[in-house]
Amino acid sequence: MSPHNRRIIKTVCAALFVLLLAGVTYQGVTTALERRAFRYPGRLVPVGDHQLHIYCTGRGSPTVVLEAPAFGFSASWALVQSALDTTTRVCSYDRAGLGWSEGREGAFAPDAVPVELQTLLAGAGERPPYVIVGDELGAAFARLFAARYPHDTVALIEVDSLRGNGPAPSQPSPWLARTG
């Protein structure tokens, strides 16, 4: 390879690195500004080494727990939550790294989602029984929760369910989201 071609390759790599660094910086700054400008409606509850956002409204039993689609968050359930909370307790939440929740350390682990949800509900003082409602990939997480905690779950509702357990989000997805 000629020195000229090596110089071009190095220049392209450096430009890509600078572009990636700019995206990460932009995403971090805008996320911090948005969190200040748009306060979360619920509260943050410690779940291990991070905090998850949960928003509960209404009174009654059983408590309806809303599990958002793949990269959705609690606000995507606003209309459903406001319609249901006139008759029972309804909780929506943001999985780790989404919405107003903090990210967890390490790689994404689908099996950790129901465990974190159970810890979140207990930490927020929400008592079973639960009706778990999941949309798309959230339906797969809802099924995992119902299977792991059958005594706490009185019903499982799947909206636009994926077949089987559904595909896990690709590993680069959380990293790409952080690059702006």
N, C-alpha and C. Protein backbone atom coordinates (compact mmCIF):
# COMPACT_ATOMS: atom_id res chain seq x y z
N MET A 1 0.85 -1.17 0.00
CA MET A 1 0.00 0.00 0.00
C MET A 1 0.90 1.23 0.00
N SER A 2 0.51 2.17 -0.81
CA SER A 2 1.33 3.38 -0.95
C SER A 2 1.13 4.30 0.26
N PRO A 3 2.12 5.16 0.52
CA PRO A 3 2.00 6.11 1.64
C PRO A 3 0.79 7.03 1.48
N HIS A 4 0.46 7.36 0.22
CA HIS A 4 -0.69 8.24 -0.03
C HIS A 4 -1.99 7.56 0.41
N ASN A 5 -2.15 6.26 0.08
CA ASN A 5 -3.36 5.52 0.48
C ASN A 5 -3.44 5.36 2.01
N ARG A 6 -2.30 5.12 2.64
CA ARG A 6 -2.29 5.02 4.10
C ARG A 6 -2.72 6.33 4.74
N ARG A 7 -2.25 7.44 4.20
CA ARG A 7 -2.61 8.76 4.72
C ARG A 7 -4.12 8.99 4.57
N ILE A 8 -4.69 8.57 3.44
CA ILE A 8 -6.13 8.73 3.23
C ILE A 8 -6.92 7.89 4.24
N ILE A 9 -6.49 6.66 4.45
CA ILE A 9 -7.17 5.78 5.41
C ILE A 9 -7.09 6.36 6.82
N LYS A 10 -5.92 6.84 7.21
CA LYS A 10 -5.77 7.45 8.53
C LYS A 10 -6.65 8.69 8.67
N THR A 11 -6.73 9.48 7.63
CA THR A 11 -7.56 10.69 7.66
C THR A 11 -9.03 10.35 7.80
N VAL A 12 -9.48 9.34 7.05
CA VAL A 12 -10.88 8.91 7.13
C VAL A 12 -11.19 8.36 8.53
N CYS A 13 -10.31 7.55 9.08
CA CYS A 13 -10.51 7.00 10.43
C CYS A 13 -10.56 8.11 11.47
N ALA A 14 -9.67 9.08 11.35
CA ALA A 14 -9.66 10.20 12.29
C ALA A 14 -10.95 11.01 12.18
N ALA A 15 -11.42 11.22 10.96
CA ALA A 15 -12.66 11.97 10.76
C ALA A 15 -13.85 11.22 11.36
N LEU A 16 -13.89 9.90 11.17
CA LEU A 16 -14.97 9.10 11.76
C LEU A 16 -14.92 9.15 13.29
N PHE A 17 -13.73 9.10 13.85
CA PHE A 17 -13.58 9.17 15.30
C PHE A 17 -14.07 10.52 15.83
N VAL A 18 -13.70 11.60 15.16
CA VAL A 18 -14.13 12.94 15.57
C VAL A 18 -15.65 13.06 15.46
N LEU A 19 -16.22 12.52 14.38
CA LEU A 19 -17.66 12.55 14.20
C LEU A 19 -18.38 11.77 15.30
N LEU A 20 -17.87 10.60 15.65
CA LEU A 20 -18.44 9.80 16.72
C LEU A 20 -18.33 10.53 18.06
N LEU A 21 -17.20 11.11 18.33
CA LEU A 21 -16.99 11.87 19.57
C LEU A 21 -17.94 13.06 19.64
N ALA A 22 -18.14 13.74 18.53
CA ALA A 22 -19.07 14.87 18.50
C ALA A 22 -20.50 14.40 18.77
N GLY A 23 -20.88 13.26 18.20
CA GLY A 23 -22.22 12.71 18.43
C GLY A 23 -22.44 12.35 19.89
N VAL A 24 -21.46 11.70 20.51
CA VAL A 24 -21.57 11.32 21.92
C VAL A 24 -21.68 12.57 22.79
N THR A 25 -20.87 13.56 22.52
CA THR A 25 -20.91 14.80 23.28
C THR A 25 -22.26 15.49 23.13
N TYR A 26 -22.73 15.61 21.89
CA TYR A 26 -24.03 16.22 21.61
C TYR A 26 -25.14 15.50 22.36
N GLN A 27 -25.15 14.16 22.28
CA GLN A 27 -26.19 13.38 22.93
C GLN A 27 -26.16 13.57 24.45
N GLY A 28 -24.99 13.57 25.04
CA GLY A 28 -24.87 13.76 26.48
C GLY A 28 -25.37 15.12 26.93
N VAL A 29 -24.98 16.16 26.21
CA VAL A 29 -25.39 17.52 26.57
C VAL A 29 -26.89 17.71 26.39
N THR A 30 -27.44 17.28 25.25
CA THR A 30 -28.88 17.47 25.02
C THR A 30 -29.72 16.63 25.98
N THR A 31 -29.25 15.44 26.32
CA THR A 31 -29.99 14.62 27.29
C THR A 31 -30.04 15.32 28.64
N ALA A 32 -28.92 15.87 29.08
CA ALA A 32 -28.89 16.59 30.36
C ALA A 32 -29.81 17.82 30.32
N LEU A 33 -29.80 18.56 29.22
CA LEU A 33 -30.66 19.74 29.10
C LEU A 33 -32.14 19.35 29.07
N GLU A 34 -32.46 18.28 28.35
CA GLU A 34 -33.85 17.82 28.29
C GLU A 34 -34.34 17.36 29.65
N ARG A 35 -33.50 16.68 30.40
CA ARG A 35 -33.91 16.21 31.72
C ARG A 35 -34.18 17.37 32.66
N ARG A 36 -33.46 18.48 32.48
CA ARG A 36 -33.73 19.66 33.30
C ARG A 36 -35.01 20.36 32.84
N ALA A 37 -35.20 20.45 31.53
CA ALA A 37 -36.36 21.17 30.99
C ALA A 37 -37.65 20.39 31.15
N PHE A 38 -37.60 19.07 31.01
CA PHE A 38 -38.79 18.24 31.06
C PHE A 38 -38.69 17.30 32.26
N ARG A 39 -39.18 17.77 33.39
CA ARG A 39 -39.13 16.97 34.62
C ARG A 39 -39.98 15.72 34.45
N TYR A 40 -39.52 14.65 35.03
CA TYR A 40 -40.26 13.40 34.94
C TYR A 40 -41.49 13.48 35.83
N PRO A 41 -42.57 12.83 35.39
CA PRO A 41 -43.82 12.92 36.15
C PRO A 41 -43.87 12.04 37.39
N GLY A 42 -43.08 11.01 37.43
CA GLY A 42 -43.12 10.08 38.56
C GLY A 42 -41.97 10.31 39.51
N ARG A 43 -41.28 9.22 39.82
CA ARG A 43 -40.14 9.31 40.72
C ARG A 43 -39.09 8.27 40.33
N LEU A 44 -37.89 8.49 40.81
CA LEU A 44 -36.80 7.55 40.58
C LEU A 44 -36.65 6.65 41.80
N VAL A 45 -36.51 5.35 41.54
CA VAL A 45 -36.39 4.37 42.61
C VAL A 45 -35.09 3.59 42.39
N PRO A 46 -34.26 3.45 43.43
CA PRO A 46 -33.01 2.68 43.27
C PRO A 46 -33.30 1.22 42.95
N VAL A 47 -32.58 0.72 41.95
CA VAL A 47 -32.66 -0.69 41.54
C VAL A 47 -31.22 -1.12 41.28
N GLY A 48 -30.57 -1.66 42.29
CA GLY A 48 -29.16 -2.03 42.14
C GLY A 48 -28.30 -0.79 42.04
N ASP A 49 -27.47 -0.73 41.00
CA ASP A 49 -26.51 0.37 40.86
C ASP A 49 -27.06 1.55 40.07
N HIS A 50 -28.34 1.56 39.78
CA HIS A 50 -28.95 2.65 39.02
C HIS A 50 -30.38 2.89 39.52
N GLN A 51 -31.02 3.93 38.98
CA GLN A 51 -32.38 4.25 39.37
C GLN A 51 -33.30 4.15 38.16
N LEU A 52 -34.51 3.64 38.38
CA LEU A 52 -35.50 3.55 37.33
C LEU A 52 -36.65 4.50 37.64
N HIS A 53 -37.21 5.06 36.58
CA HIS A 53 -38.35 5.97 36.71
C HIS A 53 -39.65 5.17 36.69
N ILE A 54 -40.55 5.47 37.63
CA ILE A 54 -41.87 4.85 37.66
C ILE A 54 -42.91 5.95 37.90
N TYR A 55 -44.04 5.82 37.22
CA TYR A 55 -45.12 6.79 37.34
C TYR A 55 -46.41 6.03 37.58
N CYS A 56 -46.97 6.17 38.78
CA CYS A 56 -48.19 5.45 39.15
C CYS A 56 -49.31 6.44 39.44
N THR A 57 -50.51 6.12 38.95
CA THR A 57 -51.67 6.96 39.16
C THR A 57 -52.87 6.07 39.48
N GLY A 58 -53.92 6.68 40.01
CA GLY A 58 -55.15 5.96 40.28
C GLY A 58 -55.09 5.18 41.58
N ARG A 59 -56.23 4.54 41.89
CA ARG A 59 -56.35 3.72 43.10
C ARG A 59 -57.10 2.46 42.74
N GLY A 60 -56.82 1.43 43.50
CA GLY A 60 -57.54 0.19 43.31
C GLY A 60 -56.62 -0.99 43.09
N SER A 61 -57.24 -2.11 42.86
CA SER A 61 -56.50 -3.34 42.65
C SER A 61 -57.25 -4.17 41.63
N PRO A 62 -56.57 -4.91 40.81
CA PRO A 62 -55.13 -5.10 40.75
C PRO A 62 -54.43 -3.90 40.10
N THR A 63 -53.14 -3.78 40.34
CA THR A 63 -52.33 -2.74 39.72
C THR A 63 -51.98 -3.16 38.31
N VAL A 64 -52.24 -2.28 37.35
CA VAL A 64 -51.89 -2.52 35.95
C VAL A 64 -50.48 -1.96 35.73
N VAL A 65 -49.57 -2.80 35.25
CA VAL A 65 -48.20 -2.38 34.99
C VAL A 65 -47.99 -2.38 33.48
N LEU A 66 -47.59 -1.23 32.94
CA LEU A 66 -47.45 -1.04 31.50
C LEU A 66 -45.99 -1.17 31.08
N GLU A 67 -45.73 -2.10 30.18
CA GLU A 67 -44.37 -2.39 29.67
C GLU A 67 -44.29 -1.87 28.24
N ALA A 68 -43.46 -0.86 28.02
CA ALA A 68 -43.36 -0.17 26.72
C ALA A 68 -42.69 -1.02 25.65
N PRO A 69 -42.86 -0.64 24.37
CA PRO A 69 -42.19 -1.36 23.28
C PRO A 69 -40.67 -1.16 23.33
N ALA A 70 -39.98 -1.72 22.37
CA ALA A 70 -38.51 -1.80 22.37
C ALA A 70 -37.79 -0.55 22.87
N PHE A 71 -37.93 0.55 22.20
CA PHE A 71 -37.21 1.75 22.61
C PHE A 71 -38.18 2.84 23.07
N GLY A 72 -39.38 2.41 23.44
CA GLY A 72 -40.38 3.33 23.97
C GLY A 72 -40.16 3.55 25.45
N PHE A 73 -40.91 4.49 26.01
CA PHE A 73 -40.81 4.71 27.45
C PHE A 73 -42.16 5.07 28.01
N SER A 74 -42.22 5.36 29.29
CA SER A 74 -43.48 5.49 30.01
C SER A 74 -44.45 6.49 29.37
N ALA A 75 -43.96 7.57 28.82
CA ALA A 75 -44.83 8.58 28.23
C ALA A 75 -45.64 8.04 27.06
N SER A 76 -45.17 6.96 26.43
CA SER A 76 -45.92 6.39 25.31
C SER A 76 -47.24 5.78 25.77
N TRP A 77 -47.41 5.57 27.07
CA TRP A 77 -48.63 5.01 27.63
C TRP A 77 -49.55 6.07 28.21
N ALA A 78 -49.28 7.35 28.01
CA ALA A 78 -50.02 8.43 28.67
C ALA A 78 -51.53 8.33 28.48
N LEU A 79 -51.98 8.12 27.26
CA LEU A 79 -53.43 8.05 27.02
C LEU A 79 -54.05 6.82 27.65
N VAL A 80 -53.37 5.70 27.57
CA VAL A 80 -53.87 4.46 28.17
C VAL A 80 -53.91 4.61 29.69
N GLN A 81 -52.84 5.14 30.25
CA GLN A 81 -52.77 5.28 31.70
C GLN A 81 -53.87 6.19 32.22
N SER A 82 -54.10 7.32 31.55
CA SER A 82 -55.13 8.25 32.02
C SER A 82 -56.54 7.67 31.86
N ALA A 83 -56.73 6.78 30.90
CA ALA A 83 -58.04 6.13 30.72
C ALA A 83 -58.29 5.06 31.79
N LEU A 84 -57.23 4.36 32.18
CA LEU A 84 -57.38 3.26 33.14
C LEU A 84 -57.37 3.70 34.60
N ASP A 85 -56.67 4.81 34.90
CA ASP A 85 -56.49 5.17 36.30
C ASP A 85 -57.76 5.69 36.98
N THR A 86 -58.84 5.79 36.23
CA THR A 86 -60.11 6.16 36.86
C THR A 86 -60.75 4.97 37.57
N THR A 87 -60.29 3.75 37.23
CA THR A 87 -60.89 2.55 37.83
C THR A 87 -59.92 1.69 38.63
N THR A 88 -58.62 1.87 38.44
CA THR A 88 -57.65 1.04 39.16
C THR A 88 -56.30 1.76 39.22
N ARG A 89 -55.36 1.17 39.89
CA ARG A 89 -53.99 1.69 39.99
C ARG A 89 -53.25 1.31 38.71
N VAL A 90 -52.51 2.25 38.13
CA VAL A 90 -51.78 2.02 36.88
C VAL A 90 -50.37 2.57 37.02
N CYS A 91 -49.37 1.75 36.66
CA CYS A 91 -47.97 2.17 36.72
C CYS A 91 -47.31 1.98 35.36
N SER A 92 -46.64 3.01 34.88
CA SER A 92 -45.78 2.89 33.72
C SER A 92 -44.37 3.18 34.19
N TYR A 93 -43.39 2.65 33.50
CA TYR A 93 -42.01 2.86 33.93
C TYR A 93 -41.09 2.86 32.72
N ASP A 94 -39.87 3.29 32.96
CA ASP A 94 -38.85 3.31 31.91
C ASP A 94 -37.77 2.29 32.25
N ARG A 95 -37.51 1.37 31.31
CA ARG A 95 -36.43 0.40 31.52
C ARG A 95 -35.09 1.13 31.57
N ALA A 96 -34.10 0.46 32.08
CA ALA A 96 -32.76 1.04 32.26
C ALA A 96 -32.25 1.66 30.96
N GLY A 97 -31.81 2.90 31.05
CA GLY A 97 -31.23 3.60 29.90
C GLY A 97 -32.25 4.24 28.97
N LEU A 98 -33.53 4.12 29.28
CA LEU A 98 -34.58 4.70 28.44
C LEU A 98 -35.36 5.74 29.23
N GLY A 99 -35.94 6.70 28.52
CA GLY A 99 -36.76 7.72 29.17
C GLY A 99 -36.00 8.44 30.26
N TRP A 100 -36.60 8.47 31.45
CA TRP A 100 -35.98 9.16 32.58
C TRP A 100 -35.18 8.23 33.48
N SER A 101 -35.05 6.98 33.11
CA SER A 101 -34.28 6.03 33.93
C SER A 101 -32.80 6.12 33.61
N GLU A 102 -31.99 5.82 34.61
CA GLU A 102 -30.55 5.77 34.42
C GLU A 102 -30.18 4.47 33.72
N GLY A 103 -29.06 4.48 33.03
CA GLY A 103 -28.56 3.27 32.40
C GLY A 103 -27.88 2.37 33.42
N ARG A 104 -27.88 1.09 33.14
CA ARG A 104 -27.20 0.15 34.03
C ARG A 104 -25.80 -0.10 33.49
N GLU A 105 -24.92 -0.54 34.36
CA GLU A 105 -23.57 -0.90 33.95
C GLU A 105 -23.61 -2.23 33.21
N GLY A 106 -22.76 -2.40 32.24
CA GLY A 106 -22.66 -3.68 31.55
C GLY A 106 -23.61 -3.78 30.38
N ALA A 107 -23.58 -4.94 29.76
CA ALA A 107 -24.37 -5.20 28.57
C ALA A 107 -25.85 -5.39 28.91
N PHE A 108 -26.69 -5.15 27.94
CA PHE A 108 -28.13 -5.36 28.10
C PHE A 108 -28.41 -6.84 28.27
N ALA A 109 -29.21 -7.18 29.27
CA ALA A 109 -29.57 -8.57 29.53
C ALA A 109 -31.09 -8.67 29.65
N PRO A 110 -31.76 -9.24 28.65
CA PRO A 110 -33.23 -9.34 28.70
C PRO A 110 -33.75 -10.02 29.97
N ASP A 111 -33.03 -11.01 30.48
CA ASP A 111 -33.48 -11.70 31.69
C ASP A 111 -33.47 -10.81 32.92
N ALA A 112 -32.73 -9.69 32.87
CA ALA A 112 -32.67 -8.78 34.01
C ALA A 112 -33.90 -7.87 34.08
N VAL A 113 -34.61 -7.70 32.96
CA VAL A 113 -35.75 -6.78 32.93
C VAL A 113 -36.83 -7.16 33.94
N PRO A 114 -37.31 -8.41 33.99
CA PRO A 114 -38.35 -8.71 34.98
C PRO A 114 -37.85 -8.60 36.42
N VAL A 115 -36.61 -8.93 36.66
CA VAL A 115 -36.04 -8.82 38.02
C VAL A 115 -36.00 -7.35 38.43
N GLU A 116 -35.55 -6.48 37.51
CA GLU A 116 -35.51 -5.05 37.82
C GLU A 116 -36.91 -4.49 38.01
N LEU A 117 -37.87 -4.96 37.21
CA LEU A 117 -39.25 -4.48 37.37
C LEU A 117 -39.80 -4.89 38.73
N GLN A 118 -39.56 -6.12 39.15
CA GLN A 118 -40.03 -6.58 40.47
C GLN A 118 -39.39 -5.75 41.57
N THR A 119 -38.10 -5.48 41.47
CA THR A 119 -37.39 -4.67 42.45
C THR A 119 -37.93 -3.25 42.46
N LEU A 120 -38.21 -2.71 41.28
CA LEU A 120 -38.77 -1.36 41.16
C LEU A 120 -40.14 -1.28 41.81
N LEU A 121 -41.01 -2.23 41.50
CA LEU A 121 -42.36 -2.21 42.07
C LEU A 121 -42.31 -2.32 43.60
N ALA A 122 -41.47 -3.20 44.11
CA ALA A 122 -41.34 -3.35 45.56
C ALA A 122 -40.77 -2.07 46.19
N GLY A 123 -39.75 -1.50 45.55
CA GLY A 123 -39.14 -0.28 46.06
C GLY A 123 -40.07 0.92 46.02
N ALA A 124 -41.00 0.90 45.08
CA ALA A 124 -41.97 1.99 44.96
C ALA A 124 -43.18 1.77 45.87
N GLY A 125 -43.21 0.62 46.55
CA GLY A 125 -44.32 0.33 47.45
C GLY A 125 -45.58 -0.17 46.75
N GLU A 126 -45.43 -0.62 45.52
CA GLU A 126 -46.58 -1.15 44.77
C GLU A 126 -46.71 -2.63 45.07
N ARG A 127 -47.88 -3.03 45.49
CA ARG A 127 -48.11 -4.41 45.92
C ARG A 127 -48.87 -5.19 44.86
N PRO A 128 -48.57 -6.49 44.76
CA PRO A 128 -49.35 -7.35 43.86
C PRO A 128 -50.78 -7.49 44.37
N PRO A 129 -51.68 -7.94 43.56
CA PRO A 129 -51.50 -8.58 42.26
C PRO A 129 -51.34 -7.55 41.14
N TYR A 130 -50.66 -8.00 40.06
CA TYR A 130 -50.40 -7.14 38.91
C TYR A 130 -51.06 -7.71 37.65
N VAL A 131 -51.57 -6.80 36.84
CA VAL A 131 -51.94 -7.12 35.47
C VAL A 131 -50.82 -6.53 34.64
N ILE A 132 -50.06 -7.37 33.95
CA ILE A 132 -48.91 -6.91 33.18
C ILE A 132 -49.34 -6.73 31.73
N VAL A 133 -49.15 -5.52 31.19
CA VAL A 133 -49.51 -5.21 29.82
C VAL A 133 -48.23 -4.86 29.07
N GLY A 134 -47.94 -5.59 27.99
CA GLY A 134 -46.74 -5.35 27.21
C GLY A 134 -47.05 -5.09 25.75
N ASP A 135 -46.32 -4.15 25.16
CA ASP A 135 -46.48 -3.80 23.75
C ASP A 135 -45.23 -4.19 22.99
N GLU A 136 -45.39 -4.93 21.90
CA GLU A 136 -44.30 -5.38 21.03
C GLU A 136 -43.23 -6.10 21.86
N LEU A 137 -42.00 -5.59 21.87
CA LEU A 137 -40.95 -6.24 22.66
C LEU A 137 -41.30 -6.21 24.14
N GLY A 138 -42.03 -5.19 24.56
CA GLY A 138 -42.51 -5.13 25.94
C GLY A 138 -43.38 -6.32 26.29
N ALA A 139 -44.08 -6.89 25.29
CA ALA A 139 -44.90 -8.09 25.53
C ALA A 139 -44.00 -9.27 25.89
N ALA A 140 -42.85 -9.37 25.24
CA ALA A 140 -41.90 -10.44 25.58
C ALA A 140 -41.40 -10.26 27.02
N PHE A 141 -41.11 -9.02 27.40
CA PHE A 141 -40.68 -8.77 28.78
C PHE A 141 -41.81 -9.04 29.77
N ALA A 142 -43.04 -8.72 29.37
CA ALA A 142 -44.20 -9.00 30.23
C ALA A 142 -44.36 -10.50 30.43
N ARG A 143 -44.16 -11.29 29.36
CA ARG A 143 -44.23 -12.75 29.49
C ARG A 143 -43.15 -13.27 30.43
N LEU A 144 -41.94 -12.71 30.32
CA LEU A 144 -40.86 -13.12 31.21
C LEU A 144 -41.22 -12.81 32.67
N PHE A 145 -41.81 -11.64 32.90
CA PHE A 145 -42.20 -11.27 34.26
C PHE A 145 -43.25 -12.24 34.79
N ALA A 146 -44.28 -12.50 33.98
CA ALA A 146 -45.36 -13.40 34.40
C ALA A 146 -44.85 -14.81 34.67
N ALA A 147 -43.88 -15.27 33.89
CA ALA A 147 -43.32 -16.61 34.10
C ALA A 147 -42.46 -16.65 35.36
N ARG A 148 -41.73 -15.59 35.62
CA ARG A 148 -40.85 -15.56 36.79
C ARG A 148 -41.61 -15.32 38.09
N TYR A 149 -42.68 -14.51 38.01
CA TYR A 149 -43.45 -14.15 39.20
C TYR A 149 -44.93 -14.50 39.01
N PRO A 150 -45.24 -15.79 38.87
CA PRO A 150 -46.63 -16.18 38.60
C PRO A 150 -47.59 -15.88 39.75
N HIS A 151 -47.10 -15.87 40.98
CA HIS A 151 -47.98 -15.61 42.12
C HIS A 151 -48.32 -14.13 42.26
N ASP A 152 -47.51 -13.26 41.62
CA ASP A 152 -47.77 -11.82 41.66
C ASP A 152 -48.61 -11.37 40.46
N THR A 153 -48.70 -12.19 39.43
CA THR A 153 -49.35 -11.81 38.18
C THR A 153 -50.72 -12.47 38.07
N VAL A 154 -51.77 -11.64 37.94
CA VAL A 154 -53.11 -12.21 37.79
C VAL A 154 -53.55 -12.23 36.34
N ALA A 155 -52.90 -11.41 35.49
CA ALA A 155 -53.25 -11.41 34.06
C ALA A 155 -52.07 -10.86 33.26
N LEU A 156 -52.00 -11.33 32.03
CA LEU A 156 -50.98 -10.88 31.09
C LEU A 156 -51.70 -10.45 29.82
N ILE A 157 -51.45 -9.21 29.39
CA ILE A 157 -52.07 -8.69 28.17
C ILE A 157 -50.95 -8.31 27.22
N GLU A 158 -51.00 -8.87 26.01
CA GLU A 158 -49.98 -8.59 25.01
C GLU A 158 -50.59 -7.76 23.88
N VAL A 159 -49.98 -6.61 23.60
CA VAL A 159 -50.42 -5.72 22.54
C VAL A 159 -49.39 -5.80 21.41
N ASP A 160 -49.81 -6.09 20.20
CA ASP A 160 -48.87 -6.23 19.07
C ASP A 160 -47.69 -7.10 19.44
N SER A 161 -47.99 -8.26 19.98
CA SER A 161 -46.95 -9.16 20.47
C SER A 161 -46.07 -9.68 19.36
N LEU A 162 -44.79 -9.84 19.67
CA LEU A 162 -43.86 -10.49 18.76
C LEU A 162 -44.00 -11.99 18.94
N ARG A 163 -43.75 -12.76 17.93
CA ARG A 163 -43.84 -14.22 18.02
C ARG A 163 -42.76 -14.74 18.96
N GLY A 164 -43.05 -15.82 19.66
CA GLY A 164 -42.08 -16.42 20.59
C GLY A 164 -41.71 -15.43 21.67
N ASN A 165 -40.43 -15.38 21.98
CA ASN A 165 -39.95 -14.39 22.95
C ASN A 165 -39.53 -13.11 22.26
N GLY A 166 -39.64 -13.07 20.94
CA GLY A 166 -39.27 -11.87 20.21
C GLY A 166 -37.76 -11.73 20.11
N PRO A 167 -37.33 -11.01 19.12
CA PRO A 167 -35.90 -10.81 18.97
C PRO A 167 -35.38 -9.84 20.03
N ALA A 168 -34.23 -10.14 20.54
CA ALA A 168 -33.60 -9.19 21.45
C ALA A 168 -33.05 -8.05 20.62
N PRO A 169 -33.09 -6.82 21.15
CA PRO A 169 -32.51 -5.72 20.38
C PRO A 169 -31.04 -6.02 20.08
N SER A 170 -30.59 -5.58 18.94
CA SER A 170 -29.21 -5.85 18.59
C SER A 170 -28.29 -5.18 19.59
N GLN A 171 -27.16 -5.79 19.85
CA GLN A 171 -26.23 -5.28 20.86
C GLN A 171 -25.77 -3.84 20.60
N PRO A 172 -25.55 -3.41 19.34
CA PRO A 172 -25.10 -2.03 19.16
C PRO A 172 -26.15 -0.98 19.43
N SER A 173 -27.43 -1.37 19.48
CA SER A 173 -28.51 -0.38 19.59
C SER A 173 -28.34 0.60 20.75
N PRO A 174 -28.08 0.13 21.99
CA PRO A 174 -27.92 1.10 23.07
C PRO A 174 -26.73 2.04 22.85
N TRP A 175 -25.68 1.53 22.22
CA TRP A 175 -24.51 2.38 21.97
C TRP A 175 -24.81 3.38 20.88
N LEU A 176 -25.55 2.99 19.85
CA LEU A 176 -25.89 3.92 18.78
C LEU A 176 -26.78 5.02 19.31
N ALA A 177 -27.68 4.71 20.23
CA ALA A 177 -28.56 5.72 20.81
C ALA A 177 -27.76 6.78 21.55
N ARG A 178 -26.63 6.42 22.11
CA ARG A 178 -25.82 7.37 22.87
C ARG A 178 -24.93 8.24 22.00
N THR A 179 -24.89 7.95 20.68
CA THR A 179 -24.02 8.72 19.80
C THR A 179 -24.74 9.86 19.11
N GLY A 180 -26.02 10.06 19.44
CA GLY A 180 -26.75 11.18 18.85
C GLY A 180 -27.15 10.88 17.44
